[in-house]
Amino acid sequence: MTKIKLLSTKHSLPKYQGIGETLINQILAGEFALNTLLPTEKQLCEQFSISRHTAREALRYVEKTGLVERKQGSGTLVTRNTMPEQINQFINSVKDLLAFGQNTRFEVQVSDMITLDGSTAALLNSQQGQECIHIGGVRFEPHDKKPICYSNIYRHPHLDEVDEKLKDTKTAIYAVIEALDDKKIGKIEQQISACLLPESLASQLDASTDSAAMKITRRYFSLKEDDLILVAESIYPAKRFSFTSVLYPNK
């Protein structure tokens, strides 16, 4: 059996996700050949001293990438060794959403103070002419470095340490992660709409101008005072990204 060494990451991941990311990287590196089987749930339990549930979730995490197929009684078969063209984001909780942001790479291209115009004022439920902290950049897929989306992030000045970090391109993304601690978030408002990819972003996202795209706007509110923490508006090439969630009826 191929030896598995748990991947080291900058951010704390759930155990199943850390093991899943390790398996994904080993598949992409050729350590698990095509048409071979990944370790079984039992083998993962023994190697990492984890529960059967955690092992099962780790294999499901890998399956969601499209690199493997799982069949009951046959195991988990490696069916490809490159990432699919389209990335599927599974979000069933606030933690899932924040984990996606932390596990992809965000390359900050601009960090500045802007004066709100009509469209940005509407995003922040604010008035034109007010000042706002803005960062913009490209988010990349962690495994094969494809550009996923271009994001603009806006935040009313809070006159705190997060503000200062946001103004520096070297520390801006760490400030976003700090501000979006799941223990501080009370709710997230999300709006998804179709759009055409603007010419200004086409080359950065390795896609065609006016091709189909998806715009996702998220407003993050604090837990204590329902205060708007920040707003993120991201544009994804349609062929590069899909979005999946599971909804359950109220009990």
C-alpha atoms as a PDB file:
ATOM      1  CA  MET A   1       0.000   0.000   0.000  1.00  0.00           C
ATOM      2  CA  THR A   2       1.243   3.495  -0.858  1.00  0.00           C
ATOM      3  CA  LYS A   3       2.482   5.283   2.254  1.00  0.00           C
ATOM      4  CA  ILE A   4       0.415   8.345   3.135  1.00  0.00           C
ATOM      5  CA  LYS A   5       2.049  11.300   4.883  1.00  0.00           C
ATOM      6  CA  LEU A   6      -0.490  13.846   6.072  1.00  0.00           C
ATOM      7  CA  LEU A   7      -0.249  17.115   4.142  1.00  0.00           C
ATOM      8  CA  SER A   8       0.967  20.156   6.065  1.00  0.00           C
ATOM      9  CA  THR A   9      -1.221  23.261   5.560  1.00  0.00           C
ATOM     10  CA  LYS A  10      -1.195  26.864   6.750  1.00  0.00           C
ATOM     11  CA  HIS A  11      -4.708  26.588   8.137  1.00  0.00           C
ATOM     12  CA  SER A  12      -6.274  24.099  10.504  1.00  0.00           C
ATOM     13  CA  LEU A  13      -8.459  21.693   8.526  1.00  0.00           C
ATOM     14  CA  PRO A  14     -10.994  19.131   9.709  1.00  0.00           C
ATOM     15  CA  LYS A  15      -9.291  15.746   9.970  1.00  0.00           C
ATOM     16  CA  TYR A  16     -11.238  14.234   7.067  1.00  0.00           C
ATOM     17  CA  GLN A  17     -10.358  17.176   4.825  1.00  0.00           C
ATOM     18  CA  GLY A  18      -6.668  17.055   5.660  1.00  0.00           C
ATOM     19  CA  ILE A  19      -6.551  13.358   4.770  1.00  0.00           C
ATOM     20  CA  GLY A  20      -8.625  13.999   1.646  1.00  0.00           C
ATOM     21  CA  GLU A  21      -6.289  16.774   0.477  1.00  0.00           C
ATOM     22  CA  THR A  22      -3.316  14.473   1.041  1.00  0.00           C
ATOM     23  CA  LEU A  23      -4.878  11.743  -1.105  1.00  0.00           C
ATOM     24  CA  ILE A  24      -5.748  14.240  -3.850  1.00  0.00           C
ATOM     25  CA  ASN A  25      -2.174  15.523  -4.015  1.00  0.00           C
ATOM     26  CA  GLN A  26      -0.823  11.983  -4.141  1.00  0.00           C
ATOM     27  CA  ILE A  27      -3.141  11.116  -7.029  1.00  0.00           C
ATOM     28  CA  LEU A  28      -2.060  14.226  -8.952  1.00  0.00           C
ATOM     29  CA  ALA A  29       1.600  13.389  -8.268  1.00  0.00           C
ATOM     30  CA  GLY A  30       1.156   9.885  -9.694  1.00  0.00           C
ATOM     31  CA  GLU A  31       1.668   8.081  -6.390  1.00  0.00           C
ATOM     32  CA  PHE A  32      -1.653   6.336  -6.997  1.00  0.00           C
ATOM     33  CA  ALA A  33      -1.725   5.114 -10.599  1.00  0.00           C
ATOM     34  CA  LEU A  34      -4.800   5.100 -12.805  1.00  0.00           C
ATOM     35  CA  ASN A  35      -7.114   2.127 -12.238  1.00  0.00           C
ATOM     36  CA  THR A  36      -5.638   1.395  -8.823  1.00  0.00           C
ATOM     37  CA  LEU A  37      -7.481   1.546  -5.523  1.00  0.00           C
ATOM     38  CA  LEU A  38      -7.094   4.050  -2.716  1.00  0.00           C
ATOM     39  CA  PRO A  39      -6.744   2.699   0.828  1.00  0.00           C
ATOM     40  CA  THR A  40      -9.946   1.327   2.301  1.00  0.00           C
ATOM     41  CA  GLU A  41     -11.790   2.970   5.180  1.00  0.00           C
ATOM     42  CA  LYS A  42     -10.344   0.340   7.504  1.00  0.00           C
ATOM     43  CA  GLN A  43      -6.777   1.011   6.319  1.00  0.00           C
ATOM     44  CA  LEU A  44      -7.208   4.769   6.787  1.00  0.00           C
ATOM     45  CA  CYS A  45      -8.571   4.173  10.287  1.00  0.00           C
ATOM     46  CA  GLU A  46      -5.536   2.103  11.205  1.00  0.00           C
ATOM     47  CA  GLN A  47      -2.973   4.501   9.728  1.00  0.00           C
ATOM     48  CA  PHE A  48      -4.398   7.737  11.138  1.00  0.00           C
ATOM     49  CA  SER A  49      -6.157   6.448  14.272  1.00  0.00           C
ATOM     50  CA  ILE A  50      -9.459   7.910  13.109  1.00  0.00           C
ATOM     51  CA  SER A  51     -13.068   6.779  13.235  1.00  0.00           C
ATOM     52  CA  ARG A  52     -14.781   4.946  10.396  1.00  0.00           C
ATOM     53  CA  HIS A  53     -16.958   8.025   9.871  1.00  0.00           C
ATOM     54  CA  THR A  54     -13.906  10.288   9.396  1.00  0.00           C
ATOM     55  CA  ALA A  55     -12.347   7.824   6.944  1.00  0.00           C
ATOM     56  CA  ARG A  56     -15.589   7.641   4.966  1.00  0.00           C
ATOM     57  CA  GLU A  57     -15.842  11.441   4.805  1.00  0.00           C
ATOM     58  CA  ALA A  58     -12.213  11.691   3.627  1.00  0.00           C
ATOM     59  CA  LEU A  59     -12.918   9.352   0.710  1.00  0.00           C
ATOM     60  CA  ARG A  60     -16.127  11.215  -0.114  1.00  0.00           C
ATOM     61  CA  TYR A  61     -14.132  14.448  -0.149  1.00  0.00           C
ATOM     62  CA  VAL A  62     -11.779  12.971  -2.754  1.00  0.00           C
ATOM     63  CA  GLU A  63     -14.705  11.597  -4.760  1.00  0.00           C
ATOM     64  CA  LYS A  64     -16.181  15.099  -5.114  1.00  0.00           C
ATOM     65  CA  THR A  65     -13.130  16.164  -7.156  1.00  0.00           C
ATOM     66  CA  GLY A  66     -13.970  13.684  -9.925  1.00  0.00           C
ATOM     67  CA  LEU A  67     -10.594  11.943  -9.596  1.00  0.00           C
ATOM     68  CA  VAL A  68     -12.037   8.679  -8.279  1.00  0.00           C
ATOM     69  CA  GLU A  69     -15.137   6.520  -8.398  1.00  0.00           C
ATOM     70  CA  ARG A  70     -16.487   4.728  -5.357  1.00  0.00           C
ATOM     71  CA  LYS A  71     -18.428   1.502  -5.732  1.00  0.00           C
ATOM     72  CA  GLN A  72     -19.773  -0.478  -2.832  1.00  0.00           C
ATOM     73  CA  GLY A  73     -17.852  -3.699  -2.455  1.00  0.00           C
ATOM     74  CA  SER A  74     -15.160  -2.657  -4.955  1.00  0.00           C
ATOM     75  CA  GLY A  75     -13.391   0.220  -3.195  1.00  0.00           C
ATOM     76  CA  THR A  76     -12.321   3.660  -4.415  1.00  0.00           C
ATOM     77  CA  LEU A  77     -10.851   3.504  -7.922  1.00  0.00           C
ATOM     78  CA  VAL A  78      -8.544   6.206  -9.347  1.00  0.00           C
ATOM     79  CA  THR A  79     -10.067   7.151 -12.719  1.00  0.00           C
ATOM     80  CA  ARG A  80      -8.039  10.251 -13.629  1.00  0.00           C
ATOM     81  CA  ASN A  81      -4.823  11.976 -12.544  1.00  0.00           C
ATOM     82  CA  THR A  82      -5.579  15.556 -13.584  1.00  0.00           C
ATOM     83  CA  MET A  83      -8.206  17.869 -12.159  1.00  0.00           C
ATOM     84  CA  PRO A  84     -11.459  18.181 -14.133  1.00  0.00           C
ATOM     85  CA  GLU A  85     -11.985  21.412 -16.082  1.00  0.00           C
ATOM     86  CA  GLN A  86     -14.899  22.371 -13.864  1.00  0.00           C
ATOM     87  CA  ILE A  87     -14.561  22.856 -10.116  1.00  0.00           C
ATOM     88  CA  ASN A  88     -17.599  21.929  -8.040  1.00  0.00           C
ATOM     89  CA  GLN A  89     -17.944  23.808  -4.762  1.00  0.00           C
ATOM     90  CA  PHE A  90     -19.950  21.921  -2.125  1.00  0.00           C
ATOM     91  CA  ILE A  91     -21.311  24.248   0.551  1.00  0.00           C
ATOM     92  CA  ASN A  92     -23.659  23.042   3.250  1.00  0.00           C
ATOM     93  CA  SER A  93     -22.530  25.291   6.102  1.00  0.00           C
ATOM     94  CA  VAL A  94     -20.670  28.484   6.975  1.00  0.00           C
ATOM     95  CA  LYS A  95     -17.607  26.366   7.775  1.00  0.00           C
ATOM     96  CA  ASP A  96     -17.702  24.797   4.301  1.00  0.00           C
ATOM     97  CA  LEU A  97     -17.783  28.242   2.718  1.00  0.00           C
ATOM     98  CA  LEU A  98     -14.903  29.577   4.802  1.00  0.00           C
ATOM     99  CA  ALA A  99     -12.873  26.401   4.220  1.00  0.00           C
ATOM    100  CA  PHE A 100     -13.150  26.920   0.459  1.00  0.00           C
ATOM    101  CA  GLY A 101     -11.697  30.405   0.849  1.00  0.00           C
ATOM    102  CA  GLN A 102      -8.851  29.189   3.028  1.00  0.00           C
ATOM    103  CA  ASN A 103      -7.945  26.176   0.897  1.00  0.00           C
ATOM    104  CA  THR A 104      -7.680  28.067  -2.379  1.00  0.00           C
ATOM    105  CA  ARG A 105      -4.970  30.629  -3.132  1.00  0.00           C
ATOM    106  CA  PHE A 106      -5.979  34.282  -3.380  1.00  0.00           C
ATOM    107  CA  GLU A 107      -3.525  36.549  -5.182  1.00  0.00           C
ATOM    108  CA  VAL A 108      -4.169  40.154  -4.140  1.00  0.00           C
ATOM    109  CA  GLN A 109      -3.609  42.575  -7.015  1.00  0.00           C
ATOM    110  CA  VAL A 110      -4.931  45.803  -5.549  1.00  0.00           C
ATOM    111  CA  SER A 111      -5.577  47.118  -2.049  1.00  0.00           C
ATOM    112  CA  ASP A 112      -6.760  50.697  -1.677  1.00  0.00           C
ATOM    113  CA  MET A 113      -9.335  53.156  -0.393  1.00  0.00           C
ATOM    114  CA  ILE A 114     -12.112  54.009  -2.833  1.00  0.00           C
ATOM    115  CA  THR A 115     -15.012  56.437  -2.916  1.00  0.00           C
ATOM    116  CA  LEU A 116     -18.317  54.620  -3.305  1.00  0.00           C
ATOM    117  CA  ASP A 117     -20.194  55.121  -6.563  1.00  0.00           C
ATOM    118  CA  GLY A 118     -23.780  54.069  -7.176  1.00  0.00           C
ATOM    119  CA  SER A 119     -23.115  50.334  -7.664  1.00  0.00           C
ATOM    120  CA  THR A 120     -20.631  49.872  -4.812  1.00  0.00           C
ATOM    121  CA  ALA A 121     -22.796  51.948  -2.468  1.00  0.00           C
ATOM    122  CA  ALA A 122     -25.703  49.605  -3.196  1.00  0.00           C
ATOM    123  CA  LEU A 123     -23.519  46.583  -2.398  1.00  0.00           C
ATOM    124  CA  LEU A 124     -22.723  48.011   1.026  1.00  0.00           C
ATOM    125  CA  ASN A 125     -26.196  49.435   1.672  1.00  0.00           C
ATOM    126  CA  SER A 126     -24.463  52.776   1.963  1.00  0.00           C
ATOM    127  CA  GLN A 127     -24.407  56.215   0.353  1.00  0.00           C
ATOM    128  CA  GLN A 128     -22.381  57.454  -2.596  1.00  0.00           C
ATOM    129  CA  GLY A 129     -19.337  59.493  -1.702  1.00  0.00           C
ATOM    130  CA  GLN A 130     -18.377  57.547   1.422  1.00  0.00           C
ATOM    131  CA  GLU A 131     -14.944  55.931   1.620  1.00  0.00           C
ATOM    132  CA  CYS A 132     -14.444  52.182   1.657  1.00  0.00           C
ATOM    133  CA  ILE A 133     -11.521  49.743   1.877  1.00  0.00           C
ATOM    134  CA  HIS A 134     -11.228  47.660  -1.299  1.00  0.00           C
ATOM    135  CA  ILE A 135      -9.091  44.691  -2.278  1.00  0.00           C
ATOM    136  CA  GLY A 136      -9.233  42.853  -5.585  1.00  0.00           C
ATOM    137  CA  GLY A 137      -7.530  39.761  -6.898  1.00  0.00           C
ATOM    138  CA  VAL A 138      -7.665  36.338  -8.504  1.00  0.00           C
ATOM    139  CA  ARG A 139      -8.468  33.110  -6.663  1.00  0.00           C
ATOM    140  CA  PHE A 140      -6.684  29.972  -7.876  1.00  0.00           C
ATOM    141  CA  GLU A 141      -7.501  26.274  -7.662  1.00  0.00           C
ATOM    142  CA  PRO A 142      -5.018  24.761  -5.171  1.00  0.00           C
ATOM    143  CA  HIS A 143      -4.190  21.559  -7.044  1.00  0.00           C
ATOM    144  CA  ASP A 144      -3.542  22.594 -10.651  1.00  0.00           C
ATOM    145  CA  LYS A 145      -3.322  26.385 -10.199  1.00  0.00           C
ATOM    146  CA  LYS A 146      -6.221  27.294 -12.505  1.00  0.00           C
ATOM    147  CA  PRO A 147      -7.779  30.733 -11.962  1.00  0.00           C
ATOM    148  CA  ILE A 148     -11.220  30.191 -10.437  1.00  0.00           C
ATOM    149  CA  CYS A 149     -12.590  33.698 -10.153  1.00  0.00           C
ATOM    150  CA  TYR A 150     -11.856  37.382  -9.723  1.00  0.00           C
ATOM    151  CA  SER A 151     -13.041  38.812  -6.412  1.00  0.00           C
ATOM    152  CA  ASN A 152     -13.606  42.351  -5.212  1.00  0.00           C
ATOM    153  CA  ILE A 153     -13.886  42.684  -1.441  1.00  0.00           C
ATOM    154  CA  TYR A 154     -15.279  45.800   0.229  1.00  0.00           C
ATOM    155  CA  ARG A 155     -15.325  46.829   3.877  1.00  0.00           C
ATOM    156  CA  HIS A 156     -16.439  49.946   5.710  1.00  0.00           C
ATOM    157  CA  PRO A 157     -13.539  51.289   7.793  1.00  0.00           C
ATOM    158  CA  HIS A 158     -13.743  49.876  11.324  1.00  0.00           C
ATOM    159  CA  LEU A 159     -10.600  51.688  12.509  1.00  0.00           C
ATOM    160  CA  ASP A 160      -9.068  48.447  13.777  1.00  0.00           C
ATOM    161  CA  GLU A 161      -6.103  46.160  13.087  1.00  0.00           C
ATOM    162  CA  VAL A 162      -7.987  44.375  10.298  1.00  0.00           C
ATOM    163  CA  ASP A 163      -8.345  47.675   8.436  1.00  0.00           C
ATOM    164  CA  GLU A 164      -4.605  48.286   8.553  1.00  0.00           C
ATOM    165  CA  LYS A 165      -3.802  44.814   7.227  1.00  0.00           C
ATOM    166  CA  LEU A 166      -6.348  45.166   4.426  1.00  0.00           C
ATOM    167  CA  LYS A 167      -4.557  48.244   3.124  1.00  0.00           C
ATOM    168  CA  ASP A 168      -1.361  46.244   2.475  1.00  0.00           C
ATOM    169  CA  THR A 169      -1.402  43.739  -0.411  1.00  0.00           C
ATOM    170  CA  LYS A 170       1.016  41.483   1.507  1.00  0.00           C
ATOM    171  CA  THR A 171      -1.293  41.077   4.511  1.00  0.00           C
ATOM    172  CA  ALA A 172      -4.735  41.763   3.012  1.00  0.00           C
ATOM    173  CA  ILE A 173      -5.865  38.171   2.527  1.00  0.00           C
ATOM    174  CA  TYR A 174      -4.826  37.229   6.082  1.00  0.00           C
ATOM    175  CA  ALA A 175      -6.944  40.117   7.324  1.00  0.00           C
ATOM    176  CA  VAL A 176      -9.929  38.754   5.405  1.00  0.00           C
ATOM    177  CA  ILE A 177      -9.438  35.326   6.994  1.00  0.00           C
ATOM    178  CA  GLU A 178      -9.152  36.957  10.420  1.00  0.00           C
ATOM    179  CA  ALA A 179     -12.313  39.006   9.872  1.00  0.00           C
ATOM    180  CA  LEU A 180     -14.255  35.955   8.666  1.00  0.00           C
ATOM    181  CA  ASP A 181     -13.740  33.772  11.706  1.00  0.00           C
ATOM    182  CA  ASP A 182     -16.779  31.455  11.807  1.00  0.00           C
ATOM    183  CA  LYS A 183     -17.219  32.232  15.516  1.00  0.00           C
ATOM    184  CA  LYS A 184     -17.804  35.905  14.636  1.00  0.00           C
ATOM    185  CA  ILE A 185     -20.310  35.427  11.803  1.00  0.00           C
ATOM    186  CA  GLY A 186     -24.023  35.654  12.487  1.00  0.00           C
ATOM    187  CA  LYS A 187     -25.283  35.233   8.930  1.00  0.00           C
ATOM    188  CA  ILE A 188     -24.238  35.344   5.289  1.00  0.00           C
ATOM    189  CA  GLU A 189     -26.488  36.742   2.585  1.00  0.00           C
ATOM    190  CA  GLN A 190     -25.741  35.199  -0.809  1.00  0.00           C
ATOM    191  CA  GLN A 191     -26.938  36.237  -4.253  1.00  0.00           C
ATOM    192  CA  ILE A 192     -26.108  34.280  -7.429  1.00  0.00           C
ATOM    193  CA  SER A 193     -26.727  35.698 -10.896  1.00  0.00           C
ATOM    194  CA  ALA A 194     -25.702  35.082 -14.504  1.00  0.00           C
ATOM    195  CA  CYS A 195     -23.520  37.590 -16.346  1.00  0.00           C
ATOM    196  CA  LEU A 196     -21.077  37.951 -19.238  1.00  0.00           C
ATOM    197  CA  LEU A 197     -17.365  37.958 -18.526  1.00  0.00           C
ATOM    198  CA  PRO A 198     -16.047  41.521 -18.941  1.00  0.00           C
ATOM    199  CA  GLU A 199     -13.051  42.160 -21.171  1.00  0.00           C
ATOM    200  CA  SER A 200     -11.060  43.512 -18.218  1.00  0.00           C
ATOM    201  CA  LEU A 201     -11.120  40.081 -16.513  1.00  0.00           C
ATOM    202  CA  ALA A 202     -11.016  37.698 -19.481  1.00  0.00           C
ATOM    203  CA  SER A 203      -7.242  37.366 -19.763  1.00  0.00           C
ATOM    204  CA  GLN A 204      -6.744  37.059 -15.997  1.00  0.00           C
ATOM    205  CA  LEU A 205      -9.263  34.220 -15.828  1.00  0.00           C
ATOM    206  CA  ASP A 206      -8.015  32.540 -19.005  1.00  0.00           C
ATOM    207  CA  ALA A 207     -11.463  32.807 -20.609  1.00  0.00           C
ATOM    208  CA  SER A 208     -13.142  34.585 -23.520  1.00  0.00           C
ATOM    209  CA  THR A 209     -14.624  38.073 -23.318  1.00  0.00           C
ATOM    210  CA  ASP A 210     -18.441  38.021 -23.115  1.00  0.00           C
ATOM    211  CA  SER A 211     -18.473  34.283 -22.401  1.00  0.00           C
ATOM    212  CA  ALA A 212     -21.006  33.012 -19.870  1.00  0.00           C
ATOM    213  CA  ALA A 213     -20.088  33.706 -16.260  1.00  0.00           C
ATOM    214  CA  MET A 214     -21.571  33.553 -12.787  1.00  0.00           C
ATOM    215  CA  LYS A 215     -21.533  36.377 -10.250  1.00  0.00           C
ATOM    216  CA  ILE A 216     -21.768  35.532  -6.551  1.00  0.00           C
ATOM    217  CA  THR A 217     -22.231  38.340  -4.046  1.00  0.00           C
ATOM    218  CA  ARG A 218     -21.890  37.520  -0.359  1.00  0.00           C
ATOM    219  CA  ARG A 219     -22.526  39.849   2.574  1.00  0.00           C
ATOM    220  CA  TYR A 220     -21.039  38.727   5.886  1.00  0.00           C
ATOM    221  CA  PHE A 221     -22.675  39.978   9.092  1.00  0.00           C
ATOM    222  CA  SER A 222     -21.348  39.806  12.636  1.00  0.00           C
ATOM    223  CA  LEU A 223     -22.883  37.558  15.261  1.00  0.00           C
ATOM    224  CA  LYS A 224     -23.316  40.109  18.043  1.00  0.00           C
ATOM    225  CA  GLU A 225     -24.617  43.285  16.430  1.00  0.00           C
ATOM    226  CA  ASP A 226     -25.643  42.160  12.931  1.00  0.00           C
ATOM    227  CA  ASP A 227     -22.977  44.561  11.676  1.00  0.00           C
ATOM    228  CA  LEU A 228     -21.792  44.215   8.061  1.00  0.00           C
ATOM    229  CA  ILE A 229     -18.247  42.786   8.268  1.00  0.00           C
ATOM    230  CA  LEU A 230     -17.494  42.893   4.548  1.00  0.00           C
ATOM    231  CA  VAL A 231     -18.929  42.247   1.090  1.00  0.00           C
ATOM    232  CA  ALA A 232     -17.326  39.960  -1.504  1.00  0.00           C
ATOM    233  CA  GLU A 233     -18.359  40.037  -5.157  1.00  0.00           C
ATOM    234  CA  SER A 234     -16.815  37.306  -7.331  1.00  0.00           C
ATOM    235  CA  ILE A 235     -17.102  36.489 -11.028  1.00  0.00           C
ATOM    236  CA  TYR A 236     -16.545  32.885 -12.163  1.00  0.00           C
ATOM    237  CA  PRO A 237     -16.216  31.634 -15.769  1.00  0.00           C
ATOM    238  CA  ALA A 238     -19.217  29.333 -16.210  1.00  0.00           C
ATOM    239  CA  LYS A 239     -17.207  26.417 -17.632  1.00  0.00           C
ATOM    240  CA  ARG A 240     -14.791  26.550 -14.706  1.00  0.00           C
ATOM    241  CA  PHE A 241     -17.104  26.418 -11.734  1.00  0.00           C
ATOM    242  CA  SER A 242     -20.310  24.903 -10.394  1.00  0.00           C
ATOM    243  CA  PHE A 243     -22.012  25.300  -7.046  1.00  0.00           C
ATOM    244  CA  THR A 244     -23.710  22.519  -5.068  1.00  0.00           C
ATOM    245  CA  SER A 245     -25.542  22.555  -1.754  1.00  0.00           C
ATOM    246  CA  VAL A 246     -27.845  20.133   0.032  1.00  0.00           C
ATOM    247  CA  LEU A 247     -31.069  21.468   1.537  1.00  0.00           C
ATOM    248  CA  TYR A 248     -33.103  19.673   4.176  1.00  0.00           C
ATOM    249  CA  PRO A 249     -36.723  20.295   5.188  1.00  0.00           C
ATOM    250  CA  ASN A 250     -37.329  21.986   8.527  1.00  0.00           C
ATOM    251  CA  LYS A 251     -38.069  19.563  11.332  1.00  0.00           C
END
